[in-house]
């Protein structure tokens, strides 16, 4: 694993020139390694890594979405989140119930919530490509930063129901209910506001240096995670809300963007590990066979179940069809989907009657996305940018806020 990270870090630009992304390299390497070794791995250690990865990812992504800036140009992001995401979620649930009735209602909701969130890290050449209009890049960036947080409560609730149905008696970290959610929001607001206030005062009064503030930002999601565990809060929701509160309240992040540098590095490294272990999930899932329903659902999730909701969400906005198609296609599935799959495996166990089906659809969706979106991001962005430069569409060209680099962008 360390050797893989070393090789990619030293050859990242060369890899990007031939559209080999870090997730692609990691999952292929993990698949090869785990196919050549004894099956199985320490699920308790994997659970810890997956939890920390999702906590840091949720906090980092939420902290990059500046709510004050978003008010000036909320159009695409809010429509994709409030209209497109629920429509895609419900449509995926309905198709899952039709193709895979043995999953049950809870299993279908779990699968739909796991494969619907997007991850712009896989399409970083899109979000960071200056030839793509700022409004479009900003919309995709905000959508990917927030929709995994919207999906998390549904995933956790569905997992709790499935665990209860299968009589999993061990205490679960995935509890969802009124009390855990309220405690999560309370912890997030208190720690987010307090940390933002302390950091700003520490900077203005010169009590700390840049490195100290970088360390504080890295530790904050871990503090939220630890306090959430102690008081019985839902730690994932706490991390997501805490990131939004901290990002909105702290002026340090605005004036010193490098303050989040260590947090992003930690997110990158944990991303490598999770994608590597995703290779183990590939081996475990496909060792038991393959069903055509998995492929149909995976392809549908990346195409029609994404494109149609985006089209409906953007009705009446004035965006032209190339823009709608561009936004619809670039909805890659990435780290959050993998983490949801790993948490499902650890929570339900490898003997669960639904885990093979869940893992099969999740892994096929992610694998197809890694290849399809990773390869197409740069050329399609360039082509779309040329169309914008040639036609000068008025709606797409309106001013907006430049998107902040989100998690994983430095890896591609």
Protein backbone atom coordinates (compact mmCIF):
# COMPACT_ATOMS: atom_id res chain seq x y z
CA UNK A 1 0.00 0.00 0.00
CA UNK A 2 2.80 2.40 0.92
CA UNK A 3 4.66 1.49 -2.25
CA UNK A 4 1.57 2.22 -4.31
CA UNK A 5 1.17 5.67 -2.75
CA UNK A 6 4.87 6.39 -3.27
CA UNK A 7 4.76 5.42 -6.94
CA UNK A 8 1.62 7.43 -7.66
CA UNK A 9 2.85 10.49 -5.78
CA UNK A 10 6.07 10.58 -7.79
CA UNK A 11 4.40 9.90 -11.15
CA UNK A 12 1.04 11.63 -10.68
CA UNK A 13 1.39 13.98 -13.65
CA UNK A 14 2.46 11.16 -15.96
CA UNK A 15 -0.49 9.06 -14.84
CA UNK A 16 -2.92 11.94 -15.32
CA UNK A 17 -1.68 12.45 -18.90
CA UNK A 18 -2.93 8.96 -19.77
CA UNK A 19 -6.10 9.28 -17.62
CA UNK A 20 -4.95 6.86 -14.90
CA UNK A 21 -6.47 8.17 -11.68
CA UNK A 22 -5.54 7.30 -8.11
CA UNK A 23 -8.83 5.43 -7.49
CA UNK A 24 -8.33 3.42 -10.67
CA UNK A 25 -4.77 2.47 -9.76
CA UNK A 26 -5.65 1.70 -6.13
CA UNK A 27 -8.66 -0.50 -6.83
CA UNK A 28 -6.80 -2.44 -9.53
CA UNK A 29 -3.82 -2.95 -7.20
CA UNK A 30 -6.10 -4.02 -4.37
CA UNK A 31 -7.90 -6.48 -6.60
CA UNK A 32 -4.62 -8.03 -7.73
CA UNK A 33 -3.18 -8.24 -4.21
CA UNK A 34 -6.26 -9.73 -2.59
CA UNK A 35 -6.79 -12.18 -5.44
CA UNK A 36 -3.29 -13.58 -4.85
CA UNK A 37 -3.52 -13.83 -1.07
CA UNK A 38 -5.72 -15.66 1.39
CA UNK A 39 -9.32 -14.41 1.23
CA UNK A 40 -10.63 -12.21 3.98
CA UNK A 41 -9.21 -9.34 6.03
CA UNK A 42 -9.55 -7.74 9.46
CA UNK A 43 -12.97 -6.16 9.31
CA UNK A 44 -12.53 -4.37 12.65
CA UNK A 45 -9.47 -2.53 11.37
CA UNK A 46 -11.20 -1.82 8.09
CA UNK A 47 -14.23 -0.48 9.94
CA UNK A 48 -12.03 2.02 11.79
CA UNK A 49 -10.33 3.17 8.60
CA UNK A 50 -13.63 3.45 6.75
CA UNK A 51 -15.25 5.43 9.57
CA UNK A 52 -12.34 7.85 9.83
CA UNK A 53 -12.23 8.23 6.07
CA UNK A 54 -15.92 9.10 5.83
CA UNK A 55 -15.75 11.47 8.82
CA UNK A 56 -12.82 13.39 7.34
CA UNK A 57 -14.33 13.34 3.85
CA UNK A 58 -17.71 14.62 5.05
CA UNK A 59 -16.13 17.34 7.18
CA UNK A 60 -13.72 18.47 4.46
CA UNK A 61 -16.30 18.53 1.69
CA UNK A 62 -18.85 20.39 3.81
CA UNK A 63 -16.25 22.95 4.96
CA UNK A 64 -15.40 23.86 1.35
CA UNK A 65 -19.00 24.81 0.57
CA UNK A 66 -19.23 28.45 1.58
CA UNK A 67 -22.91 29.07 2.28
CA UNK A 68 -22.46 32.84 2.19
CA UNK A 69 -20.96 32.65 -1.31
CA UNK A 70 -23.50 30.08 -2.45
CA UNK A 71 -26.33 32.57 -1.83
CA UNK A 72 -25.08 34.68 -4.74
CA UNK A 73 -25.48 31.83 -7.26
CA UNK A 74 -27.45 28.91 -5.80
CA UNK A 75 -29.16 27.88 -9.05
CA UNK A 76 -27.55 24.66 -10.30
CA UNK A 77 -26.44 23.35 -6.92
CA UNK A 78 -29.80 23.74 -5.16
CA UNK A 79 -31.74 22.31 -8.09
CA UNK A 80 -29.45 19.28 -8.31
CA UNK A 81 -29.60 18.72 -4.55
CA UNK A 82 -33.27 19.47 -3.85
CA UNK A 83 -34.82 18.12 -7.06
CA UNK A 84 -32.31 15.98 -8.93
CA UNK A 85 -30.96 14.02 -5.97
CA UNK A 86 -34.35 12.98 -4.49
CA UNK A 87 -35.66 12.03 -7.93
CA UNK A 88 -32.57 9.93 -8.66
CA UNK A 89 -32.81 8.33 -5.22
CA UNK A 90 -36.46 7.35 -5.60
CA UNK A 91 -35.98 6.15 -9.19
CA UNK A 92 -33.02 3.98 -8.16
CA UNK A 93 -35.06 2.56 -5.27
CA UNK A 94 -37.95 1.66 -7.57
CA UNK A 95 -35.70 0.01 -10.15
CA UNK A 96 -33.90 -1.90 -7.40
CA UNK A 97 -37.20 -3.21 -6.04
CA UNK A 98 -38.12 -4.36 -9.54
CA UNK A 99 -34.83 -6.05 -10.41
CA UNK A 100 -33.75 -7.27 -6.98
CA UNK A 101 -36.88 -7.95 -4.90
CA UNK A 102 -34.98 -10.21 -2.47
CA UNK A 103 -33.22 -7.16 -1.01
CA UNK A 104 -36.44 -5.98 0.58
CA UNK A 105 -37.44 -2.39 1.20
CA UNK A 106 -34.56 -1.55 3.56
CA UNK A 107 -32.01 -3.16 1.28
CA UNK A 108 -33.33 -1.27 -1.75
CA UNK A 109 -33.14 2.06 0.10
CA UNK A 110 -29.63 1.23 1.28
CA UNK A 111 -28.47 0.44 -2.23
CA UNK A 112 -30.15 3.51 -3.73
CA UNK A 113 -28.62 5.83 -1.13
CA UNK A 114 -25.19 4.25 -1.56
CA UNK A 115 -24.95 4.54 -5.36
CA UNK A 116 -26.72 7.89 -5.90
CA UNK A 117 -24.22 10.38 -4.32
CA UNK A 118 -21.68 11.82 -6.75
CA UNK A 119 -17.98 12.41 -6.23
CA UNK A 120 -16.38 15.18 -8.28
CA UNK A 121 -12.94 13.88 -7.30
CA UNK A 122 -13.22 11.32 -10.09
CA UNK A 123 -13.99 14.12 -12.53
CA UNK A 124 -11.52 16.69 -11.24
CA UNK A 125 -10.51 17.69 -14.78
CA UNK A 126 -14.11 18.87 -15.10
CA UNK A 127 -14.43 20.80 -11.84
CA UNK A 128 -11.02 22.45 -12.12
CA UNK A 129 -10.87 22.94 -15.90
CA UNK A 130 -11.00 26.69 -16.63
CA UNK A 131 -12.53 26.16 -20.08
CA UNK A 132 -15.73 24.97 -18.37
CA UNK A 133 -17.90 27.91 -17.23
CA UNK A 134 -17.51 28.78 -13.57
CA UNK A 135 -21.25 28.33 -12.87
CA UNK A 136 -21.15 24.75 -14.16
CA UNK A 137 -18.02 23.85 -12.23
CA UNK A 138 -19.35 25.45 -9.07
CA UNK A 139 -22.62 23.55 -9.34
CA UNK A 140 -20.92 20.17 -9.75
CA UNK A 141 -18.50 20.93 -6.92
CA UNK A 142 -21.21 21.92 -4.44
CA UNK A 143 -23.42 19.00 -5.44
CA UNK A 144 -20.67 16.45 -4.85
CA UNK A 145 -19.74 18.10 -1.57
CA UNK A 146 -23.22 17.92 -0.10
CA UNK A 147 -25.10 14.95 -1.55
CA UNK A 148 -23.07 12.31 0.29
CA UNK A 149 -24.07 14.06 3.50
CA UNK A 150 -27.73 13.91 2.43
CA UNK A 151 -27.41 10.20 1.66
CA UNK A 152 -25.66 9.27 4.91
CA UNK A 153 -28.77 9.27 7.20
CA UNK A 154 -30.66 7.08 4.71
CA UNK A 155 -27.76 4.62 4.50
CA UNK A 156 -27.43 4.42 8.26
CA UNK A 157 -31.16 4.05 8.87
CA UNK A 158 -31.45 1.29 6.26
CA UNK A 159 -28.44 -0.50 7.76
CA UNK A 160 -29.99 -0.32 11.21
CA UNK A 161 -33.24 -1.84 9.89
CA UNK A 162 -31.39 -4.61 8.03
CA UNK A 163 -29.26 -5.37 11.10
CA UNK A 164 -32.38 -5.62 13.23
CA UNK A 165 -34.07 -7.90 10.68
CA UNK A 166 -31.02 -10.18 10.64
CA UNK A 167 -30.78 -10.02 14.42
CA UNK A 168 -27.31 -8.56 14.59
CA UNK A 169 -27.00 -8.20 18.34
CA UNK A 170 -23.67 -6.37 18.60
CA UNK A 171 -23.87 -2.69 19.56
CA UNK A 172 -24.01 -0.71 16.33
CA UNK A 173 -22.20 2.53 15.58
CA UNK A 174 -24.76 3.18 12.86
CA UNK A 175 -27.63 4.16 15.07
CA UNK A 176 -30.08 6.62 13.57
CA UNK A 177 -32.94 8.10 15.50
CA UNK A 178 -34.16 11.36 16.96
CA UNK A 179 -31.73 11.45 19.88
CA UNK A 180 -28.53 10.55 17.96
CA UNK A 181 -29.36 13.06 15.21
CA UNK A 182 -30.16 15.86 17.68
CA UNK A 183 -26.98 15.14 19.62
CA UNK A 184 -25.02 15.12 16.37
CA UNK A 185 -26.31 18.54 15.33
CA UNK A 186 -25.72 19.93 18.83
CA UNK A 187 -22.12 18.66 18.96
CA UNK A 188 -21.46 19.90 15.44
CA UNK A 189 -22.81 23.42 16.01
CA UNK A 190 -21.09 23.88 19.36
CA UNK A 191 -17.70 22.55 18.29
CA UNK A 192 -17.87 24.13 14.83
CA UNK A 193 -18.67 27.61 16.12
CA UNK A 194 -16.30 27.39 19.08
CA UNK A 195 -13.41 26.13 16.96
CA UNK A 196 -13.97 28.79 14.29
CA UNK A 197 -14.06 31.54 16.94
CA UNK A 198 -10.94 30.24 18.70
CA UNK A 199 -9.00 29.84 15.46
CA UNK A 200 -9.88 33.32 14.23
CA UNK A 201 -8.90 34.89 17.57
CA UNK A 202 -5.71 32.84 17.68
CA UNK A 203 -4.75 34.10 14.21
CA UNK A 204 -5.62 37.77 14.72
CA UNK A 205 -3.82 37.91 18.09
CA UNK A 206 -0.88 35.91 16.72
CA UNK A 207 -1.17 33.12 19.28
CA UNK A 208 -0.49 30.50 16.60
CA UNK A 209 1.30 29.97 13.32
CA UNK A 210 0.00 28.59 10.04
CA UNK A 211 1.16 25.06 10.82
CA UNK A 212 -0.59 25.11 14.17
CA UNK A 213 -3.85 26.18 12.53
CA UNK A 214 -3.45 23.43 9.92
CA UNK A 215 -3.08 20.86 12.70
CA UNK A 216 -6.11 22.27 14.53
CA UNK A 217 -8.22 21.97 11.37
CA UNK A 218 -7.10 18.37 10.90
CA UNK A 219 -7.91 17.47 14.51
CA UNK A 220 -11.36 19.08 14.54
CA UNK A 221 -13.26 16.31 12.66
CA UNK A 222 -11.54 13.74 14.88
CA UNK A 223 -12.66 15.69 17.95
CA UNK A 224 -16.22 15.78 16.63
CA UNK A 225 -16.00 12.04 15.95
CA UNK A 226 -14.70 11.28 19.46
CA UNK A 227 -17.22 13.48 21.26
CA UNK A 228 -20.01 12.02 19.15
CA UNK A 229 -19.01 8.51 20.21
CA UNK A 230 -18.99 9.53 23.88
CA UNK A 231 -22.42 11.19 23.92
CA UNK A 232 -24.12 8.70 21.58
CA UNK A 233 -24.46 11.02 18.58
CA UNK A 234 -24.46 9.97 14.94
CA UNK A 235 -20.84 10.77 14.20
CA UNK A 236 -21.20 10.97 10.42
CA UNK A 237 -23.99 13.53 10.56
CA UNK A 238 -22.02 15.41 13.21
CA UNK A 239 -18.96 15.55 10.94
CA UNK A 240 -21.00 16.80 7.99
CA UNK A 241 -22.85 19.52 9.91
CA UNK A 242 -19.67 20.45 11.80
CA UNK A 243 -17.83 20.99 8.53
CA UNK A 244 -20.57 23.28 7.21
CA UNK A 245 -20.67 25.31 10.43
CA UNK A 246 -16.90 25.61 10.69
CA UNK A 247 -16.52 26.54 7.02
CA UNK A 248 -19.24 29.17 7.26
CA UNK A 249 -18.08 30.71 10.55
CA UNK A 250 -14.31 30.77 10.13
CA UNK A 251 -12.68 33.73 8.38
CA UNK A 252 -9.33 31.94 8.60
CA UNK A 253 -10.31 29.49 5.87
CA UNK A 254 -11.13 32.43 3.60
CA UNK A 255 -7.92 34.36 4.23
CA UNK A 256 -5.65 31.32 4.57
CA UNK A 257 -6.94 28.54 2.30
CA UNK A 258 -3.86 26.46 3.12
CA UNK A 259 -5.26 26.00 6.62
CA UNK A 260 -7.12 22.95 5.30
CA UNK A 261 -4.04 21.53 3.58
CA UNK A 262 -3.30 18.81 6.16
CA UNK A 263 -6.97 17.88 6.25
CA UNK A 264 -6.95 17.38 2.49
CA UNK A 265 -3.72 15.36 2.66
CA UNK A 266 -5.25 13.08 5.29
CA UNK A 267 -8.34 12.73 3.12
CA UNK A 268 -6.14 11.80 0.16
CA UNK A 269 -4.19 9.17 2.08
CA UNK A 270 -7.27 7.59 3.60
CA UNK A 271 -8.81 7.62 0.14
CA UNK A 272 -5.90 5.55 -1.15
CA UNK A 273 -6.42 3.00 1.62
CA UNK A 274 -10.18 2.74 1.16
CA UNK A 275 -9.87 2.36 -2.61
CA UNK A 276 -7.20 -0.30 -2.08
CA UNK A 277 -9.49 -2.27 0.24
CA UNK A 278 -12.23 -1.84 -2.32
CA UNK A 279 -10.17 -4.30 -4.34
CA UNK A 280 -10.77 -6.85 -1.59
CA UNK A 281 -14.48 -6.19 -1.89
CA UNK A 282 -14.25 -6.82 -5.64
CA UNK A 283 -12.62 -10.20 -5.03
CA UNK A 284 -15.08 -11.15 -2.28
CA UNK A 285 -18.16 -10.13 -4.26
CA UNK A 286 -17.36 -11.70 -7.60
CA UNK A 287 -16.03 -14.90 -6.05
CA UNK A 288 -19.67 -15.88 -5.54
CA UNK A 289 -20.69 -15.29 -9.15
CA UNK A 290 -22.32 -12.56 -11.17
CA UNK A 291 -25.89 -11.57 -11.96
CA UNK A 292 -27.03 -9.59 -14.96
CA UNK A 293 -29.31 -7.49 -12.76
CA UNK A 294 -26.23 -6.00 -11.11
CA UNK A 295 -24.89 -4.73 -14.40
CA UNK A 296 -28.25 -3.34 -15.53
CA UNK A 297 -28.70 -1.45 -12.27
CA UNK A 298 -25.11 -0.15 -12.29
CA UNK A 299 -25.33 1.11 -15.87
CA UNK A 300 -28.75 2.66 -15.21
CA UNK A 301 -27.46 4.44 -12.08
CA UNK A 302 -24.71 6.11 -14.09
CA UNK A 303 -26.85 7.01 -17.09
CA UNK A 304 -30.64 7.24 -17.23
CA UNK A 305 -31.16 7.40 -13.45
CA UNK A 306 -28.79 10.39 -13.38
CA UNK A 307 -29.55 12.09 -16.69
CA UNK A 308 -33.35 12.20 -16.42
CA UNK A 309 -33.45 13.70 -12.87
CA UNK A 310 -30.87 16.31 -13.91
CA UNK A 311 -32.95 17.19 -16.97
CA UNK A 312 -36.09 17.57 -14.82
CA UNK A 313 -34.21 19.60 -12.21
CA UNK A 314 -32.97 22.10 -14.80
CA UNK A 315 -36.28 22.66 -16.59
CA UNK A 316 -36.98 26.39 -16.89
CA UNK A 317 -33.41 27.49 -16.14
CA UNK A 318 -32.48 28.34 -19.73
CA UNK A 319 -29.50 26.02 -19.91
CA UNK A 320 -28.97 24.52 -23.36
CA UNK A 321 -29.02 20.79 -23.97
CA UNK A 322 -25.19 20.36 -24.18
CA UNK A 323 -24.94 21.84 -20.69
CA UNK A 324 -27.72 19.62 -19.34
CA UNK A 325 -26.08 16.55 -20.89
CA UNK A 326 -22.69 17.61 -19.51
CA UNK A 327 -24.08 18.02 -15.98
CA UNK A 328 -25.99 14.76 -16.28
CA UNK A 329 -23.01 12.71 -17.40
CA UNK A 330 -20.55 14.01 -14.84
CA UNK A 331 -22.07 12.38 -11.80
CA UNK A 332 -19.29 9.88 -10.95
CA UNK A 333 -19.60 7.53 -8.01
CA UNK A 334 -16.58 7.38 -5.76
CA UNK A 335 -15.27 7.31 -2.23
CA UNK A 336 -18.55 7.77 -0.34
CA UNK A 337 -20.14 4.87 -2.24
CA UNK A 338 -17.15 2.65 -1.44
CA UNK A 339 -17.24 3.59 2.25
CA UNK A 340 -20.98 2.87 2.41
CA UNK A 341 -20.29 -0.55 0.90
CA UNK A 342 -17.49 -1.31 3.37
CA UNK A 343 -19.62 -0.21 6.32
CA UNK A 344 -22.43 -2.45 5.08
CA UNK A 345 -20.06 -5.41 4.91
CA UNK A 346 -18.79 -4.81 8.42
CA UNK A 347 -22.22 -4.11 9.92
CA UNK A 348 -24.11 -6.99 8.31
CA UNK A 349 -21.27 -9.51 8.00
CA UNK A 350 -20.17 -11.58 5.05
CA UNK A 351 -22.86 -14.20 5.82
CA UNK A 352 -25.72 -11.75 5.31
CA UNK A 353 -28.13 -12.89 2.58
CA UNK A 354 -28.09 -9.43 1.00
CA UNK A 355 -24.43 -8.45 1.24
CA UNK A 356 -23.37 -10.19 -1.99
CA UNK A 357 -26.04 -8.40 -3.99
CA UNK A 358 -25.35 -5.07 -2.33
CA UNK A 359 -21.62 -5.43 -2.89
CA UNK A 360 -22.08 -6.56 -6.47
CA UNK A 361 -24.10 -3.54 -7.53
CA UNK A 362 -21.96 -1.09 -5.54
CA UNK A 363 -18.69 -2.42 -6.93
CA UNK A 364 -19.93 -2.59 -10.51
CA UNK A 365 -21.25 0.96 -10.29
CA UNK A 366 -17.99 2.31 -8.90
CA UNK A 367 -15.77 0.31 -11.26
CA UNK A 368 -17.70 1.46 -14.31
CA UNK A 369 -17.57 5.04 -13.04
CA UNK A 370 -13.84 4.91 -12.33
CA UNK A 371 -13.13 3.89 -15.90
CA UNK A 372 -15.85 5.83 -17.74
CA UNK A 373 -15.64 9.15 -15.92
CA UNK A 374 -11.89 9.02 -15.38
CA UNK A 375 -11.23 8.55 -19.08
CA UNK A 376 -13.88 10.97 -20.36
CA UNK A 377 -13.44 13.89 -17.94
CA UNK A 378 -10.60 15.70 -19.70
CA UNK A 379 -11.63 15.26 -23.36
CA UNK A 380 -15.34 15.97 -22.82
CA UNK A 381 -14.54 19.03 -20.70
CA UNK A 382 -12.31 20.36 -23.48
CA UNK A 383 -14.98 19.70 -26.09
CA UNK A 384 -17.70 21.32 -23.99
CA UNK A 385 -15.45 24.32 -23.33
CA UNK A 386 -14.96 24.79 -27.06
CA UNK A 387 -18.73 24.70 -27.60
CA UNK A 388 -19.20 27.39 -24.93
CA UNK A 389 -16.48 29.57 -26.46
CA UNK A 390 -18.04 29.20 -29.92
CA UNK A 391 -21.72 29.75 -29.03
CA UNK A 392 -21.40 32.06 -26.00
CA UNK A 393 -24.59 30.83 -24.24
CA UNK A 394 -25.83 33.66 -21.98
CA UNK A 395 -27.07 31.63 -19.01
CA UNK A 396 -23.98 29.47 -18.73
CA UNK A 397 -21.72 32.53 -18.96
CA UNK A 398 -23.10 34.42 -15.96
CA UNK A 399 -20.60 35.20 -13.22
CA UNK A 400 -20.27 32.94 -10.21
CA UNK A 401 -17.87 32.02 -7.42
CA UNK A 402 -14.81 30.03 -8.41
CA UNK A 403 -15.13 26.50 -6.90
CA UNK A 404 -12.68 25.58 -4.20
CA UNK A 405 -10.71 22.40 -4.87
CA UNK A 406 -12.62 19.59 -3.23
CA UNK A 407 -11.41 16.33 -1.81
CA UNK A 408 -9.43 14.18 -4.18
CA UNK A 409 -8.81 16.83 -6.82
CA UNK A 410 -5.11 16.85 -6.10
CA UNK A 411 -4.96 13.14 -6.82
CA UNK A 412 -6.04 13.34 -10.43
